[in-house]
Amino acid sequence: MRLGFEKASNTLKGRVMRFGSGGDFIHCQFIFDQYDRISASAWDVYGIGVRTYDETVSDESLWEFLDFGNEKDEALYAWFRSHLGTPYDLAGLITSFIVPWRKPQNLQMFCSEVCYHACQEALQLNLPPVNANYLSPQGLYNLIKNNG
């Protein structure tokens, strides 16, 4: 499986998202090559779920992928199945990255929160403990690259 990080496009929306994320990456998701390349993450419309690769990766030049091999595919896939339908946290995303307010703990999550918890709980990457409520896709990418 791979963890994909999407770069912002050079549009107004992309620049705003890049500013909010503190870097180039604005979304992250796992790709299960072993399972017909399905993608798993949290999306604003769906919450935590799975989608097809073609639905989520329209331009591969805007993506960077970190390969974790296939050893823990089933554990990670089971982790996502157990969290299916967890709502997306749009309000938390906005308050975490754009407005410096502390987000209350709740069950809703955005993509980088989901991927951080999946890395810790299913992949057991032993990343440094952070408050995932404030972890952007760029922050997660940096955390993995600097500790792996």
Protein backbone atom coordinates (compact mmCIF):
# COMPACT_ATOMS: atom_id res chain seq x y z
CA MET A 1 0.00 0.00 0.00
CA ARG A 2 1.00 3.56 -0.55
CA LEU A 3 0.20 6.78 1.25
CA GLY A 4 -0.47 9.46 -1.33
CA PHE A 5 -0.13 13.19 -0.76
CA GLU A 6 -1.89 15.54 -3.16
CA LYS A 7 -0.26 18.85 -4.06
CA ALA A 8 -2.38 21.96 -4.45
CA SER A 9 -3.02 23.12 -7.98
CA ASN A 10 -2.04 26.64 -8.98
CA THR A 11 -5.56 28.04 -8.70
CA LEU A 12 -7.00 30.47 -6.16
CA LYS A 13 -8.56 27.56 -4.28
CA GLY A 14 -5.25 25.68 -4.40
CA ARG A 15 -3.30 28.66 -3.08
CA VAL A 16 -5.77 29.15 -0.21
CA MET A 17 -5.55 25.44 0.64
CA ARG A 18 -1.74 25.54 0.45
CA PHE A 19 -1.72 28.49 2.85
CA GLY A 20 -4.04 26.67 5.28
CA SER A 21 -2.00 23.48 5.15
CA GLY A 22 1.33 25.24 5.58
CA GLY A 23 2.88 23.61 2.53
CA ASP A 24 2.30 22.05 -0.85
CA PHE A 25 0.22 19.06 0.26
CA ILE A 26 -3.53 19.51 0.75
CA HIS A 27 -4.90 15.96 0.95
CA CYS A 28 -3.68 12.49 1.84
CA GLN A 29 -5.05 9.00 1.34
CA PHE A 30 -3.95 5.38 1.37
CA ILE A 31 -3.98 3.43 -1.88
CA PHE A 32 -4.37 -0.33 -1.68
CA ASP A 33 -2.74 -1.66 -4.83
CA GLN A 34 -3.56 -5.21 -3.73
CA TYR A 35 -7.28 -4.38 -3.61
CA ASP A 36 -7.80 -2.99 -7.12
CA ARG A 37 -6.11 0.29 -6.17
CA ILE A 38 -8.90 1.51 -3.93
CA SER A 39 -8.24 4.66 -1.94
CA ALA A 40 -9.10 5.10 1.73
CA SER A 41 -9.24 8.39 3.62
CA ALA A 42 -11.72 11.02 4.78
CA TRP A 43 -13.49 13.21 2.25
CA ASP A 44 -15.73 16.19 2.88
CA VAL A 45 -18.79 14.57 1.31
CA TYR A 46 -18.29 10.98 2.46
CA GLY A 47 -16.39 11.07 5.73
CA ILE A 48 -14.10 8.08 6.19
CA GLY A 49 -14.56 5.70 3.34
CA VAL A 50 -13.12 4.07 0.27
CA ARG A 51 -13.24 5.29 -3.31
CA THR A 52 -11.68 4.19 -6.55
CA TYR A 53 -8.23 5.39 -7.51
CA ASP A 54 -9.59 7.01 -10.65
CA GLU A 55 -12.10 9.01 -8.60
CA THR A 56 -9.42 10.43 -6.34
CA VAL A 57 -6.26 10.70 -8.46
CA SER A 58 -7.06 12.52 -11.68
CA ASP A 59 -3.56 13.94 -12.27
CA GLU A 60 -0.67 11.83 -10.93
CA SER A 61 1.75 14.74 -11.42
CA LEU A 62 0.06 16.43 -8.44
CA TRP A 63 0.77 13.47 -6.13
CA GLU A 64 3.69 12.12 -4.16
CA PHE A 65 3.46 8.54 -2.89
CA LEU A 66 5.22 6.86 0.02
CA ASP A 67 5.35 3.08 -0.38
CA PHE A 68 4.83 0.98 2.76
CA GLY A 69 4.87 -2.42 1.05
CA ASN A 70 2.06 -4.95 1.40
CA GLU A 71 2.89 -6.58 4.73
CA LYS A 72 0.19 -4.75 6.71
CA ASP A 73 -2.43 -4.29 3.97
CA GLU A 74 -5.03 -6.40 5.74
CA ALA A 75 -4.54 -4.68 9.11
CA LEU A 76 -4.85 -1.24 7.54
CA TYR A 77 -7.81 -2.25 5.40
CA ALA A 78 -9.53 -3.66 8.51
CA TRP A 79 -8.82 -0.40 10.36
CA PHE A 80 -10.55 1.60 7.63
CA ARG A 81 -13.49 -0.84 7.50
CA SER A 82 -13.97 -0.40 11.25
CA HIS A 83 -14.07 3.40 10.84
CA LEU A 84 -16.27 3.60 7.72
CA GLY A 85 -18.79 6.39 7.87
CA THR A 86 -17.03 8.45 10.54
CA PRO A 87 -18.07 11.99 9.56
CA TYR A 88 -15.69 14.47 7.99
CA ASP A 89 -14.71 17.36 10.24
CA LEU A 90 -14.98 20.42 8.00
CA ALA A 91 -15.38 22.81 10.94
CA GLY A 92 -12.33 21.30 12.64
CA LEU A 93 -10.34 21.57 9.44
CA ILE A 94 -11.11 25.28 9.13
CA THR A 95 -10.50 26.08 12.78
CA SER A 96 -7.34 23.96 12.94
CA PHE A 97 -5.53 25.44 9.95
CA ILE A 98 -7.03 28.81 9.13
CA VAL A 99 -8.28 30.18 12.44
CA PRO A 100 -6.08 29.31 15.45
CA TRP A 101 -8.85 27.96 17.69
CA ARG A 102 -8.56 24.78 19.62
CA LYS A 103 -10.83 22.16 18.16
CA PRO A 104 -12.76 20.16 20.76
CA GLN A 105 -12.16 16.42 20.69
CA ASN A 106 -14.85 14.67 18.69
CA LEU A 107 -15.28 11.66 16.47
CA GLN A 108 -15.24 13.63 13.23
CA MET A 109 -11.91 13.66 11.36
CA PHE A 110 -10.25 15.11 8.29
CA CYS A 111 -7.83 13.28 6.01
CA SER A 112 -4.52 13.87 7.77
CA GLU A 113 -6.03 13.01 11.17
CA VAL A 114 -7.35 9.75 9.76
CA CYS A 115 -4.07 8.85 8.08
CA TYR A 116 -2.03 9.70 11.19
CA HIS A 117 -4.21 7.47 13.40
CA ALA A 118 -4.10 4.70 10.79
CA CYS A 119 -0.30 4.97 10.64
CA GLN A 120 -0.05 4.70 14.42
CA GLU A 121 -2.77 2.11 15.12
CA ALA A 122 -2.70 -0.18 12.07
CA LEU A 123 0.77 0.26 10.60
CA GLN A 124 2.39 0.85 13.99
CA LEU A 125 4.87 3.34 12.53
CA ASN A 126 5.70 4.72 15.97
CA LEU A 127 5.56 8.33 14.84
CA PRO A 128 6.10 10.99 17.49
CA PRO A 129 2.92 11.78 19.41
CA VAL A 130 1.24 14.91 18.08
CA ASN A 131 -2.17 16.46 18.41
CA ALA A 132 -3.66 15.09 15.19
CA ASN A 133 -6.40 17.72 15.39
CA TYR A 134 -3.80 20.20 14.11
CA LEU A 135 -1.90 17.94 11.72
CA SER A 136 -2.12 19.02 8.09
CA PRO A 137 -1.29 16.73 5.17
CA GLN A 138 2.01 18.63 4.85
CA GLY A 139 2.65 18.11 8.57
CA LEU A 140 1.96 14.38 8.29
CA TYR A 141 4.26 14.10 5.28
CA ASN A 142 7.04 15.88 7.18
CA LEU A 143 6.47 13.72 10.26
CA ILE A 144 6.78 10.49 8.27
CA LYS A 145 9.75 11.63 6.16
CA ASN A 146 11.66 12.89 9.23
CA ASN A 147 10.98 9.77 11.30
CA GLY A 148 11.07 6.93 8.87
